[in-house]
Amino acid sequence: MRTLLLIGLALALSGGQIPRHESEPAPKTLPGGRNQTEAILKVEHQKSLEDAAQLVRLSRQLRAELKKNDRYIVSLGSIKKTEEIEKLARRIRARMRRY
């Protein structure tokens, strides 16, 4: 009961209005008048395309190395390529999740 009284008193003193936050801030613009967010997204999309091309290149090289090795032993270079492939995939995924 006491809690309800305090809430009612707080509402009465605040004019009965609950402060609300703006849903979206005003978009930031670059000196040329372009939207900053769109410019960042465009650059990150280009970086993702470049990383994806490198990812394909590395995976093809890895596949060729694995095919030419007739033994069941994996070289150190192949392991490093798999680590680089993982790093590129994580980088692309992080960019995609950001926005």
C-alpha atoms as a PDB file:
ATOM      1  CA  MET A   1       0.000   0.000   0.000  1.00  0.00           C
ATOM      2  CA  ARG A   2       2.785   2.324   0.908  1.00  0.00           C
ATOM      3  CA  THR A   3       4.555   1.581  -2.419  1.00  0.00           C
ATOM      4  CA  LEU A   4       1.449   2.487  -4.412  1.00  0.00           C
ATOM      5  CA  LEU A   5       1.166   5.753  -2.517  1.00  0.00           C
ATOM      6  CA  LEU A   6       4.786   6.629  -3.318  1.00  0.00           C
ATOM      7  CA  ILE A   7       4.312   5.786  -7.005  1.00  0.00           C
ATOM      8  CA  GLY A   8       1.159   7.909  -7.161  1.00  0.00           C
ATOM      9  CA  LEU A   9       2.947  10.803  -5.465  1.00  0.00           C
ATOM     10  CA  ALA A  10       5.863  10.543  -7.907  1.00  0.00           C
ATOM     11  CA  LEU A  11       3.479  10.584 -10.871  1.00  0.00           C
ATOM     12  CA  ALA A  12       1.601  13.562  -9.489  1.00  0.00           C
ATOM     13  CA  LEU A  13       4.822  15.528  -8.998  1.00  0.00           C
ATOM     14  CA  SER A  14       6.098  14.687 -12.476  1.00  0.00           C
ATOM     15  CA  GLY A  15       2.921  15.943 -14.108  1.00  0.00           C
ATOM     16  CA  GLY A  16       1.606  12.467 -14.796  1.00  0.00           C
ATOM     17  CA  GLN A  17       4.033  11.894 -17.634  1.00  0.00           C
ATOM     18  CA  ILE A  18       6.587   9.150 -17.788  1.00  0.00           C
ATOM     19  CA  PRO A  19       9.774  10.271 -19.530  1.00  0.00           C
ATOM     20  CA  ARG A  20      10.321   8.460 -22.820  1.00  0.00           C
ATOM     21  CA  HIS A  21      13.470   7.992 -24.800  1.00  0.00           C
ATOM     22  CA  GLU A  22      13.618   8.753 -28.478  1.00  0.00           C
ATOM     23  CA  SER A  23      13.404   5.605 -30.562  1.00  0.00           C
ATOM     24  CA  GLU A  24      16.056   6.624 -33.097  1.00  0.00           C
ATOM     25  CA  PRO A  25      18.607   9.406 -32.914  1.00  0.00           C
ATOM     26  CA  ALA A  26      19.000  11.703 -35.893  1.00  0.00           C
ATOM     27  CA  PRO A  27      21.223  10.136 -38.570  1.00  0.00           C
ATOM     28  CA  LYS A  28      24.756  11.479 -38.770  1.00  0.00           C
ATOM     29  CA  THR A  29      25.790  12.919 -42.102  1.00  0.00           C
ATOM     30  CA  LEU A  30      29.161  13.279 -43.756  1.00  0.00           C
ATOM     31  CA  PRO A  31      30.393  16.585 -45.218  1.00  0.00           C
ATOM     32  CA  GLY A  32      29.114  15.578 -48.673  1.00  0.00           C
ATOM     33  CA  GLY A  33      25.601  15.127 -47.283  1.00  0.00           C
ATOM     34  CA  ARG A  34      25.745  11.323 -47.343  1.00  0.00           C
ATOM     35  CA  ASN A  35      24.527   9.238 -44.425  1.00  0.00           C
ATOM     36  CA  GLN A  36      27.473   8.100 -42.279  1.00  0.00           C
ATOM     37  CA  THR A  37      25.945   4.705 -41.472  1.00  0.00           C
ATOM     38  CA  GLU A  38      25.358   3.929 -45.137  1.00  0.00           C
ATOM     39  CA  ALA A  39      28.927   4.917 -46.000  1.00  0.00           C
ATOM     40  CA  ILE A  40      30.292   2.636 -43.264  1.00  0.00           C
ATOM     41  CA  LEU A  41      28.076  -0.234 -44.418  1.00  0.00           C
ATOM     42  CA  LYS A  42      29.257   0.219 -48.000  1.00  0.00           C
ATOM     43  CA  VAL A  43      32.929   0.073 -46.980  1.00  0.00           C
ATOM     44  CA  GLU A  44      32.369  -2.948 -44.751  1.00  0.00           C
ATOM     45  CA  HIS A  45      30.471  -4.719 -47.530  1.00  0.00           C
ATOM     46  CA  GLN A  46      33.431  -4.165 -49.856  1.00  0.00           C
ATOM     47  CA  LYS A  47      35.821  -5.536 -47.196  1.00  0.00           C
ATOM     48  CA  SER A  48      33.588  -8.576 -46.734  1.00  0.00           C
ATOM     49  CA  LEU A  49      33.636  -9.236 -50.485  1.00  0.00           C
ATOM     50  CA  GLU A  50      37.432  -9.036 -50.519  1.00  0.00           C
ATOM     51  CA  ASP A  51      37.697 -11.345 -47.506  1.00  0.00           C
ATOM     52  CA  ALA A  52      35.252 -13.794 -49.114  1.00  0.00           C
ATOM     53  CA  ALA A  53      37.360 -13.874 -52.294  1.00  0.00           C
ATOM     54  CA  GLN A  54      40.460 -14.568 -50.212  1.00  0.00           C
ATOM     55  CA  LEU A  55      38.538 -17.238 -48.305  1.00  0.00           C
ATOM     56  CA  VAL A  56      37.661 -18.994 -51.572  1.00  0.00           C
ATOM     57  CA  ARG A  57      41.260 -18.713 -52.781  1.00  0.00           C
ATOM     58  CA  LEU A  58      42.642 -20.237 -49.575  1.00  0.00           C
ATOM     59  CA  SER A  59      40.092 -23.037 -49.511  1.00  0.00           C
ATOM     60  CA  ARG A  60      40.927 -23.977 -53.118  1.00  0.00           C
ATOM     61  CA  GLN A  61      44.636 -24.018 -52.280  1.00  0.00           C
ATOM     62  CA  LEU A  62      43.946 -26.171 -49.231  1.00  0.00           C
ATOM     63  CA  ARG A  63      41.852 -28.571 -51.281  1.00  0.00           C
ATOM     64  CA  ALA A  64      44.629 -28.889 -53.896  1.00  0.00           C
ATOM     65  CA  GLU A  65      47.220 -29.556 -51.175  1.00  0.00           C
ATOM     66  CA  LEU A  66      45.054 -32.219 -49.571  1.00  0.00           C
ATOM     67  CA  LYS A  67      44.453 -33.912 -52.930  1.00  0.00           C
ATOM     68  CA  LYS A  68      48.123 -34.023 -53.921  1.00  0.00           C
ATOM     69  CA  ASN A  69      49.211 -35.525 -50.597  1.00  0.00           C
ATOM     70  CA  ASP A  70      48.743 -39.262 -50.949  1.00  0.00           C
ATOM     71  CA  ARG A  71      49.748 -39.863 -47.358  1.00  0.00           C
ATOM     72  CA  TYR A  72      47.432 -39.418 -44.432  1.00  0.00           C
ATOM     73  CA  ILE A  73      49.657 -36.743 -42.949  1.00  0.00           C
ATOM     74  CA  VAL A  74      48.662 -33.070 -42.951  1.00  0.00           C
ATOM     75  CA  SER A  75      51.403 -30.495 -43.467  1.00  0.00           C
ATOM     76  CA  LEU A  76      51.974 -27.522 -41.197  1.00  0.00           C
ATOM     77  CA  GLY A  77      51.167 -25.194 -44.096  1.00  0.00           C
ATOM     78  CA  SER A  78      47.738 -26.806 -44.455  1.00  0.00           C
ATOM     79  CA  ILE A  79      47.022 -26.295 -40.783  1.00  0.00           C
ATOM     80  CA  LYS A  80      48.007 -22.631 -41.044  1.00  0.00           C
ATOM     81  CA  LYS A  81      45.674 -22.237 -44.025  1.00  0.00           C
ATOM     82  CA  THR A  82      42.778 -23.700 -42.044  1.00  0.00           C
ATOM     83  CA  GLU A  83      43.492 -21.222 -39.240  1.00  0.00           C
ATOM     84  CA  GLU A  84      43.525 -18.346 -41.746  1.00  0.00           C
ATOM     85  CA  ILE A  85      40.233 -19.611 -43.227  1.00  0.00           C
ATOM     86  CA  GLU A  86      38.674 -19.658 -39.746  1.00  0.00           C
ATOM     87  CA  LYS A  87      39.956 -16.136 -39.023  1.00  0.00           C
ATOM     88  CA  LEU A  88      38.503 -14.776 -42.276  1.00  0.00           C
ATOM     89  CA  ALA A  89      35.153 -16.469 -41.659  1.00  0.00           C
ATOM     90  CA  ARG A  90      34.950 -15.005 -38.149  1.00  0.00           C
ATOM     91  CA  ARG A  91      35.836 -11.547 -39.459  1.00  0.00           C
ATOM     92  CA  ILE A  92      33.104 -11.705 -42.118  1.00  0.00           C
ATOM     93  CA  ARG A  93      30.540 -12.983 -39.597  1.00  0.00           C
ATOM     94  CA  ALA A  94      31.429 -10.221 -37.117  1.00  0.00           C
ATOM     95  CA  ARG A  95      30.911  -7.558 -39.783  1.00  0.00           C
ATOM     96  CA  MET A  96      27.560  -9.043 -40.740  1.00  0.00           C
ATOM     97  CA  ARG A  97      26.336  -9.173 -37.136  1.00  0.00           C
ATOM     98  CA  ARG A  98      27.334  -5.587 -36.408  1.00  0.00           C
ATOM     99  CA  TYR A  99      24.432  -3.976 -38.255  1.00  0.00           C
END
